[in-house]
Amino acid sequence: VLKDGLLQQVDTPLGLYDHPANLFVAGFIGSP
């Protein structure tokens, strides 16, 4: 996951979904 040219987090899809590292990843990954 990238934002403004900076890497935010790298993980498996479920890793990102279950353990977002910050607010940006938390709000970006998942639908709704």
PDB file of all heavy atoms in Angstrom:
ATOM      1  N   VAL A   1       0.855  -1.194   0.000  1.00  0.00           N
ATOM      2  CA  VAL A   1       0.000   0.000   0.000  1.00  0.00           C
ATOM      3  C   VAL A   1       0.890   1.242   0.000  1.00  0.00           C
ATOM      4  O   VAL A   1       1.772   1.392   0.855  1.00  0.00           O
ATOM      5  CB  VAL A   1      -0.928   0.020   1.233  1.00  0.00           C
ATOM      6  CG1 VAL A   1      -1.872   1.229   1.172  1.00  0.00           C
ATOM      7  CG2 VAL A   1      -1.736  -1.276   1.331  1.00  0.00           C
ATOM      8  N   LEU A   2       0.638   2.127  -0.963  1.00  0.00           N
ATOM      9  CA  LEU A   2       1.426   3.361  -1.086  1.00  0.00           C
ATOM     10  C   LEU A   2       0.530   4.582  -0.893  1.00  0.00           C
ATOM     11  O   LEU A   2      -0.657   4.560  -1.231  1.00  0.00           O
ATOM     12  CB  LEU A   2       2.059   3.441  -2.481  1.00  0.00           C
ATOM     13  CG  LEU A   2       3.141   2.413  -2.800  1.00  0.00           C
ATOM     14  CD1 LEU A   2       3.335   2.303  -4.303  1.00  0.00           C
ATOM     15  CD2 LEU A   2       4.458   2.790  -2.152  1.00  0.00           C
ATOM     16  N   LYS A   3       1.122   5.645  -0.364  1.00  0.00           N
ATOM     17  CA  LYS A   3       0.417   6.926  -0.244  1.00  0.00           C
ATOM     18  C   LYS A   3       1.457   8.038  -0.347  1.00  0.00           C
ATOM     19  O   LYS A   3       2.477   7.989   0.350  1.00  0.00           O
ATOM     20  CB  LYS A   3      -0.307   7.002   1.103  1.00  0.00           C
ATOM     21  CG  LYS A   3      -1.033   8.324   1.331  1.00  0.00           C
ATOM     22  CD  LYS A   3      -1.478   8.456   2.777  1.00  0.00           C
ATOM     23  CE  LYS A   3      -2.145   9.803   2.991  1.00  0.00           C
ATOM     24  NZ  LYS A   3      -1.806  10.372   4.284  1.00  0.00           N
ATOM     25  N   ASP A   4       1.198   9.000  -1.214  1.00  0.00           N
ATOM     26  CA  ASP A   4       2.115  10.144  -1.388  1.00  0.00           C
ATOM     27  C   ASP A   4       3.565   9.697  -1.593  1.00  0.00           C
ATOM     28  O   ASP A   4       4.498  10.291  -1.037  1.00  0.00           O
ATOM     29  CB  ASP A   4       2.047  11.084  -0.167  1.00  0.00           C
ATOM     30  CG  ASP A   4       0.654  11.659   0.031  1.00  0.00           C
ATOM     31  OD1 ASP A   4      -0.079  11.757  -0.968  1.00  0.00           O
ATOM     32  OD2 ASP A   4       0.301  11.996   1.172  1.00  0.00           O
ATOM     33  N   GLY A   5       3.755   8.630  -2.374  1.00  0.00           N
ATOM     34  CA  GLY A   5       5.109   8.174  -2.676  1.00  0.00           C
ATOM     35  C   GLY A   5       5.779   7.373  -1.583  1.00  0.00           C
ATOM     36  O   GLY A   5       6.917   6.937  -1.734  1.00  0.00           O
ATOM     37  N   LEU A   6       5.091   7.181  -0.468  1.00  0.00           N
ATOM     38  CA  LEU A   6       5.686   6.459   0.667  1.00  0.00           C
ATOM     39  C   LEU A   6       5.002   5.122   0.873  1.00  0.00           C
ATOM     40  O   LEU A   6       3.762   5.020   0.835  1.00  0.00           O
ATOM     41  CB  LEU A   6       5.551   7.286   1.955  1.00  0.00           C
ATOM     42  CG  LEU A   6       6.367   8.576   2.011  1.00  0.00           C
ATOM     43  CD1 LEU A   6       5.888   9.460   3.147  1.00  0.00           C
ATOM     44  CD2 LEU A   6       7.857   8.265   2.179  1.00  0.00           C
ATOM     45  N   LEU A   7       5.813   4.103   1.127  1.00  0.00           N
ATOM     46  CA  LEU A   7       5.265   2.785   1.420  1.00  0.00           C
ATOM     47  C   LEU A   7       4.622   2.812   2.811  1.00  0.00           C
ATOM     48  O   LEU A   7       5.250   3.222   3.783  1.00  0.00           O
ATOM     49  CB  LEU A   7       6.401   1.760   1.359  1.00  0.00           C
ATOM     50  CG  LEU A   7       5.995   0.298   1.481  1.00  0.00           C
ATOM     51  CD1 LEU A   7       6.960  -0.542   0.663  1.00  0.00           C
ATOM     52  CD2 LEU A   7       6.030  -0.181   2.907  1.00  0.00           C
ATOM     53  N   GLN A   8       3.366   2.381   2.894  1.00  0.00           N
ATOM     54  CA  GLN A   8       2.653   2.388   4.173  1.00  0.00           C
ATOM     55  C   GLN A   8       2.723   1.029   4.870  1.00  0.00           C
ATOM     56  O   GLN A   8       2.926   0.938   6.067  1.00  0.00           O
ATOM     57  CB  GLN A   8       1.174   2.742   3.954  1.00  0.00           C
ATOM     58  CG  GLN A   8       0.956   4.089   3.284  1.00  0.00           C
ATOM     59  CD  GLN A   8       1.382   5.252   4.163  1.00  0.00           C
ATOM     60  OE1 GLN A   8       0.998   5.341   5.319  1.00  0.00           O
ATOM     61  NE2 GLN A   8       2.193   6.139   3.619  1.00  0.00           N
ATOM     62  N   GLN A   9       2.527  -0.037   4.090  1.00  0.00           N
ATOM     63  CA  GLN A   9       2.545  -1.385   4.667  1.00  0.00           C
ATOM     64  C   GLN A   9       2.595  -2.416   3.543  1.00  0.00           C
ATOM     65  O   GLN A   9       2.028  -2.198   2.473  1.00  0.00           O
ATOM     66  CB  GLN A   9       1.266  -1.599   5.506  1.00  0.00           C
ATOM     67  CG  GLN A   9       1.275  -2.880   6.332  1.00  0.00           C
ATOM     68  CD  GLN A   9       0.045  -2.995   7.243  1.00  0.00           C
ATOM     69  OE1 GLN A   9      -0.803  -2.107   7.279  1.00  0.00           O
ATOM     70  NE2 GLN A   9      -0.058  -4.080   7.981  1.00  0.00           N
ATOM     71  N   VAL A  10       3.289  -3.524   3.797  1.00  0.00           N
ATOM     72  CA  VAL A  10       3.304  -4.655   2.859  1.00  0.00           C
ATOM     73  C   VAL A  10       2.902  -5.888   3.647  1.00  0.00           C
ATOM     74  O   VAL A  10       3.471  -6.155   4.709  1.00  0.00           O
ATOM     75  CB  VAL A  10       4.713  -4.929   2.283  1.00  0.00           C
ATOM     76  CG1 VAL A  10       4.653  -6.015   1.208  1.00  0.00           C
ATOM     77  CG2 VAL A  10       5.321  -3.683   1.714  1.00  0.00           C
ATOM     78  N   ASP A  11       1.919  -6.612   3.149  1.00  0.00           N
ATOM     79  CA  ASP A  11       1.477  -7.812   3.869  1.00  0.00           C
ATOM     80  C   ASP A  11       0.596  -8.641   2.943  1.00  0.00           C
ATOM     81  O   ASP A  11       0.284  -8.225   1.819  1.00  0.00           O
ATOM     82  CB  ASP A  11       0.691  -7.410   5.134  1.00  0.00           C
ATOM     83  CG  ASP A  11       0.777  -8.476   6.243  1.00  0.00           C
ATOM     84  OD1 ASP A  11       1.007  -9.662   5.900  1.00  0.00           O
ATOM     85  OD2 ASP A  11       0.603  -8.136   7.413  1.00  0.00           O
ATOM     86  N   THR A  12       0.174  -9.808   3.433  1.00  0.00           N
ATOM     87  CA  THR A  12      -0.823 -10.586   2.701  1.00  0.00           C
ATOM     88  C   THR A  12      -2.133  -9.798   2.740  1.00  0.00           C
ATOM     89  O   THR A  12      -2.320  -8.937   3.619  1.00  0.00           O
ATOM     90  CB  THR A  12      -1.048 -11.945   3.379  1.00  0.00           C
ATOM     91  OG1 THR A  12      -1.536 -11.695   4.717  1.00  0.00           O
ATOM     92  CG2 THR A  12       0.220 -12.760   3.434  1.00  0.00           C
ATOM     93  N   PRO A  13      -3.072 -10.077   1.811  1.00  0.00           N
ATOM     94  CA  PRO A  13      -4.351  -9.351   1.857  1.00  0.00           C
ATOM     95  C   PRO A  13      -5.035  -9.438   3.224  1.00  0.00           C
ATOM     96  O   PRO A  13      -5.494  -8.424   3.759  1.00  0.00           O
ATOM     97  CB  PRO A  13      -5.176 -10.047   0.767  1.00  0.00           C
ATOM     98  CG  PRO A  13      -4.151 -10.520  -0.217  1.00  0.00           C
ATOM     99  CD  PRO A  13      -2.974 -10.940   0.615  1.00  0.00           C
ATOM    100  N   LEU A  14      -5.059 -10.628   3.819  1.00  0.00           N
ATOM    101  CA  LEU A  14      -5.713 -10.757   5.123  1.00  0.00           C
ATOM    102  C   LEU A  14      -4.929 -10.084   6.230  1.00  0.00           C
ATOM    103  O   LEU A  14      -5.499  -9.567   7.190  1.00  0.00           O
ATOM    104  CB  LEU A  14      -5.948 -12.237   5.474  1.00  0.00           C
ATOM    105  CG  LEU A  14      -7.207 -12.847   4.853  1.00  0.00           C
ATOM    106  CD1 LEU A  14      -7.337 -14.311   5.254  1.00  0.00           C
ATOM    107  CD2 LEU A  14      -8.469 -12.085   5.244  1.00  0.00           C
ATOM    108  N   GLY A  15      -3.594 -10.073   6.099  1.00  0.00           N
ATOM    109  CA  GLY A  15      -2.762  -9.369   7.073  1.00  0.00           C
ATOM    110  C   GLY A  15      -3.091  -7.884   7.104  1.00  0.00           C
ATOM    111  O   GLY A  15      -3.203  -7.267   8.168  1.00  0.00           O
ATOM    112  N   LEU A  16      -3.269  -7.290   5.902  1.00  0.00           N
ATOM    113  CA  LEU A  16      -3.632  -5.874   5.832  1.00  0.00           C
ATOM    114  C   LEU A  16      -5.022  -5.639   6.417  1.00  0.00           C
ATOM    115  O   LEU A  16      -5.260  -4.637   7.091  1.00  0.00           O
ATOM    116  CB  LEU A  16      -3.637  -5.389   4.373  1.00  0.00           C
ATOM    117  CG  LEU A  16      -2.310  -5.283   3.649  1.00  0.00           C
ATOM    118  CD1 LEU A  16      -2.545  -4.878   2.198  1.00  0.00           C
ATOM    119  CD2 LEU A  16      -1.395  -4.269   4.302  1.00  0.00           C
ATOM    120  N   TYR A  17      -5.917  -6.562   6.139  1.00  0.00           N
ATOM    121  CA  TYR A  17      -7.310  -6.409   6.588  1.00  0.00           C
ATOM    122  C   TYR A  17      -7.404  -6.525   8.111  1.00  0.00           C
ATOM    123  O   TYR A  17      -8.096  -5.744   8.763  1.00  0.00           O
ATOM    124  CB  TYR A  17      -8.161  -7.496   5.926  1.00  0.00           C
ATOM    125  CG  TYR A  17      -9.660  -7.298   6.075  1.00  0.00           C
ATOM    126  CD1 TYR A  17     -10.355  -6.465   5.206  1.00  0.00           C
ATOM    127  CD2 TYR A  17     -10.373  -7.968   7.063  1.00  0.00           C
ATOM    128  CE1 TYR A  17     -11.724  -6.282   5.334  1.00  0.00           C
ATOM    129  CE2 TYR A  17     -11.747  -7.791   7.202  1.00  0.00           C
ATOM    130  CZ  TYR A  17     -12.419  -6.951   6.325  1.00  0.00           C
ATOM    131  OH  TYR A  17     -13.780  -6.775   6.455  1.00  0.00           O
ATOM    132  N   ASP A  18      -6.673  -7.496   8.660  1.00  0.00           N
ATOM    133  CA  ASP A  18      -6.781  -7.761  10.105  1.00  0.00           C
ATOM    134  C   ASP A  18      -5.850  -6.905  10.951  1.00  0.00           C
ATOM    135  O   ASP A  18      -6.108  -6.687  12.134  1.00  0.00           O
ATOM    136  CB  ASP A  18      -6.462  -9.241  10.392  1.00  0.00           C
ATOM    137  CG  ASP A  18      -7.539 -10.167   9.847  1.00  0.00           C
ATOM    138  OD1 ASP A  18      -8.678  -9.696   9.664  1.00  0.00           O
ATOM    139  OD2 ASP A  18      -7.235 -11.350   9.595  1.00  0.00           O
ATOM    140  N   HIS A  19      -4.727  -6.451  10.369  1.00  0.00           N
ATOM    141  CA  HIS A  19      -3.730  -5.715  11.165  1.00  0.00           C
ATOM    142  C   HIS A  19      -3.232  -4.469  10.430  1.00  0.00           C
ATOM    143  O   HIS A  19      -2.035  -4.336  10.180  1.00  0.00           O
ATOM    144  CB  HIS A  19      -2.517  -6.613  11.457  1.00  0.00           C
ATOM    145  CG  HIS A  19      -2.870  -7.894  12.140  1.00  0.00           C
ATOM    146  ND1 HIS A  19      -3.266  -7.953  13.446  1.00  0.00           N
ATOM    147  CD2 HIS A  19      -2.898  -9.170  11.681  1.00  0.00           C
ATOM    148  CE1 HIS A  19      -3.524  -9.216  13.764  1.00  0.00           C
ATOM    149  NE2 HIS A  19      -3.313  -9.964  12.705  1.00  0.00           N
ATOM    150  N   PRO A  20      -4.119  -3.547  10.057  1.00  0.00           N
ATOM    151  CA  PRO A  20      -3.618  -2.346   9.373  1.00  0.00           C
ATOM    152  C   PRO A  20      -2.642  -1.577  10.267  1.00  0.00           C
ATOM    153  O   PRO A  20      -2.891  -1.415  11.465  1.00  0.00           O
ATOM    154  CB  PRO A  20      -4.890  -1.527   9.099  1.00  0.00           C
ATOM    155  CG  PRO A  20      -5.918  -2.060  10.039  1.00  0.00           C
ATOM    156  CD  PRO A  20      -5.574  -3.484  10.302  1.00  0.00           C
ATOM    157  N   ALA A  21      -1.542  -1.128   9.689  1.00  0.00           N
ATOM    158  CA  ALA A  21      -0.480  -0.493  10.481  1.00  0.00           C
ATOM    159  C   ALA A  21      -0.810   0.938  10.863  1.00  0.00           C
ATOM    160  O   ALA A  21      -0.240   1.481  11.800  1.00  0.00           O
ATOM    161  CB  ALA A  21       0.825  -0.513   9.690  1.00  0.00           C
ATOM    162  N   ASN A  22      -1.707   1.569  10.101  1.00  0.00           N
ATOM    163  CA  ASN A  22      -2.039   2.965  10.411  1.00  0.00           C
ATOM    164  C   ASN A  22      -3.439   3.303   9.904  1.00  0.00           C
ATOM    165  O   ASN A  22      -4.097   2.478   9.256  1.00  0.00           O
ATOM    166  CB  ASN A  22      -0.981   3.918   9.835  1.00  0.00           C
ATOM    167  CG  ASN A  22      -0.813   3.749   8.334  1.00  0.00           C
ATOM    168  OD1 ASN A  22      -1.783   3.545   7.609  1.00  0.00           O
ATOM    169  ND2 ASN A  22       0.420   3.832   7.851  1.00  0.00           N
ATOM    170  N   LEU A  23      -3.866   4.518  10.210  1.00  0.00           N
ATOM    171  CA  LEU A  23      -5.220   4.953   9.848  1.00  0.00           C
ATOM    172  C   LEU A  23      -5.462   4.912   8.346  1.00  0.00           C
ATOM    173  O   LEU A  23      -6.549   4.562   7.897  1.00  0.00           O
ATOM    174  CB  LEU A  23      -5.445   6.395  10.339  1.00  0.00           C
ATOM    175  CG  LEU A  23      -6.015   6.557  11.739  1.00  0.00           C
ATOM    176  CD1 LEU A  23      -6.003   8.031  12.138  1.00  0.00           C
ATOM    177  CD2 LEU A  23      -7.438   6.007  11.821  1.00  0.00           C
ATOM    178  N   PHE A  24      -4.441   5.262   7.553  1.00  0.00           N
ATOM    179  CA  PHE A  24      -4.629   5.286   6.107  1.00  0.00           C
ATOM    180  C   PHE A  24      -4.942   3.884   5.580  1.00  0.00           C
ATOM    181  O   PHE A  24      -5.906   3.683   4.830  1.00  0.00           O
ATOM    182  CB  PHE A  24      -3.402   5.849   5.386  1.00  0.00           C
ATOM    183  CG  PHE A  24      -3.552   5.772   3.895  1.00  0.00           C
ATOM    184  CD1 PHE A  24      -4.371   6.671   3.232  1.00  0.00           C
ATOM    185  CD2 PHE A  24      -2.925   4.770   3.163  1.00  0.00           C
ATOM    186  CE1 PHE A  24      -4.566   6.567   1.851  1.00  0.00           C
ATOM    187  CE2 PHE A  24      -3.108   4.668   1.790  1.00  0.00           C
ATOM    188  CZ  PHE A  24      -3.926   5.575   1.135  1.00  0.00           C
ATOM    189  N   VAL A  25      -4.129   2.901   5.978  1.00  0.00           N
ATOM    190  CA  VAL A  25      -4.345   1.525   5.506  1.00  0.00           C
ATOM    191  C   VAL A  25      -5.697   1.011   6.007  1.00  0.00           C
ATOM    192  O   VAL A  25      -6.454   0.356   5.280  1.00  0.00           O
ATOM    193  CB  VAL A  25      -3.198   0.590   5.959  1.00  0.00           C
ATOM    194  CG1 VAL A  25      -3.457  -0.847   5.530  1.00  0.00           C
ATOM    195  CG2 VAL A  25      -1.865   1.073   5.399  1.00  0.00           C
ATOM    196  N   ALA A  26      -6.031   1.329   7.262  1.00  0.00           N
ATOM    197  CA  ALA A  26      -7.309   0.895   7.842  1.00  0.00           C
ATOM    198  C   ALA A  26      -8.482   1.395   7.018  1.00  0.00           C
ATOM    199  O   ALA A  26      -9.431   0.660   6.733  1.00  0.00           O
ATOM    200  CB  ALA A  26      -7.423   1.401   9.276  1.00  0.00           C
ATOM    201  N   GLY A  27      -8.420   2.658   6.587  1.00  0.00           N
ATOM    202  CA  GLY A  27      -9.525   3.239   5.839  1.00  0.00           C
ATOM    203  C   GLY A  27      -9.531   2.858   4.377  1.00  0.00           C
ATOM    204  O   GLY A  27     -10.562   2.909   3.712  1.00  0.00           O
ATOM    205  N   PHE A  28      -8.357   2.433   3.854  1.00  0.00           N
ATOM    206  CA  PHE A  28      -8.253   2.154   2.418  1.00  0.00           C
ATOM    207  C   PHE A  28      -8.608   0.709   2.079  1.00  0.00           C
ATOM    208  O   PHE A  28      -9.198   0.437   1.036  1.00  0.00           O
ATOM    209  CB  PHE A  28      -6.832   2.474   1.930  1.00  0.00           C
ATOM    210  CG  PHE A  28      -6.704   2.457   0.438  1.00  0.00           C
ATOM    211  CD1 PHE A  28      -7.161   3.523  -0.319  1.00  0.00           C
ATOM    212  CD2 PHE A  28      -6.145   1.367  -0.220  1.00  0.00           C
ATOM    213  CE1 PHE A  28      -7.072   3.507  -1.704  1.00  0.00           C
ATOM    214  CE2 PHE A  28      -6.049   1.338  -1.602  1.00  0.00           C
ATOM    215  CZ  PHE A  28      -6.512   2.417  -2.344  1.00  0.00           C
ATOM    216  N   ILE A  29      -8.215  -0.208   2.952  1.00  0.00           N
ATOM    217  CA  ILE A  29      -8.409  -1.632   2.649  1.00  0.00           C
ATOM    218  C   ILE A  29      -9.724  -2.114   3.263  1.00  0.00           C
ATOM    219  O   ILE A  29      -9.959  -1.965   4.457  1.00  0.00           O
ATOM    220  CB  ILE A  29      -7.230  -2.476   3.199  1.00  0.00           C
ATOM    221  CG1 ILE A  29      -5.921  -2.094   2.494  1.00  0.00           C
ATOM    222  CG2 ILE A  29      -7.501  -3.973   3.074  1.00  0.00           C
ATOM    223  CD1 ILE A  29      -5.811  -2.465   1.035  1.00  0.00           C
ATOM    224  N   GLY A  30     -10.565  -2.715   2.437  1.00  0.00           N
ATOM    225  CA  GLY A  30     -11.853  -3.220   2.913  1.00  0.00           C
ATOM    226  C   GLY A  30     -12.990  -2.520   2.196  1.00  0.00           C
ATOM    227  O   GLY A  30     -12.935  -1.327   1.929  1.00  0.00           O
ATOM    228  N   SER A  31     -14.018  -3.281   1.834  1.00  0.00           N
ATOM    229  CA  SER A  31     -15.182  -2.711   1.160  1.00  0.00           C
ATOM    230  C   SER A  31     -16.444  -3.367   1.694  1.00  0.00           C
ATOM    231  O   SER A  31     -16.589  -4.567   1.539  1.00  0.00           O
ATOM    232  CB  SER A  31     -15.062  -2.945  -0.353  1.00  0.00           C
ATOM    233  OG  SER A  31     -16.162  -2.431  -1.029  1.00  0.00           O
ATOM    234  N   PRO A  32     -17.355  -2.620   2.334  1.00  0.00           N
ATOM    235  CA  PRO A  32     -17.260  -1.211   2.710  1.00  0.00           C
ATOM    236  C   PRO A  32     -16.063  -0.979   3.639  1.00  0.00           C
ATOM    237  O   PRO A  32     -15.580  -1.909   4.277  1.00  0.00           O
ATOM    238  CB  PRO A  32     -18.570  -0.946   3.471  1.00  0.00           C
ATOM    239  CG  PRO A  32     -19.464  -2.092   3.174  1.00  0.00           C
ATOM    240  CD  PRO A  32     -18.577  -3.247   2.856  1.00  0.00           C
TER     241      PRO A  32
END
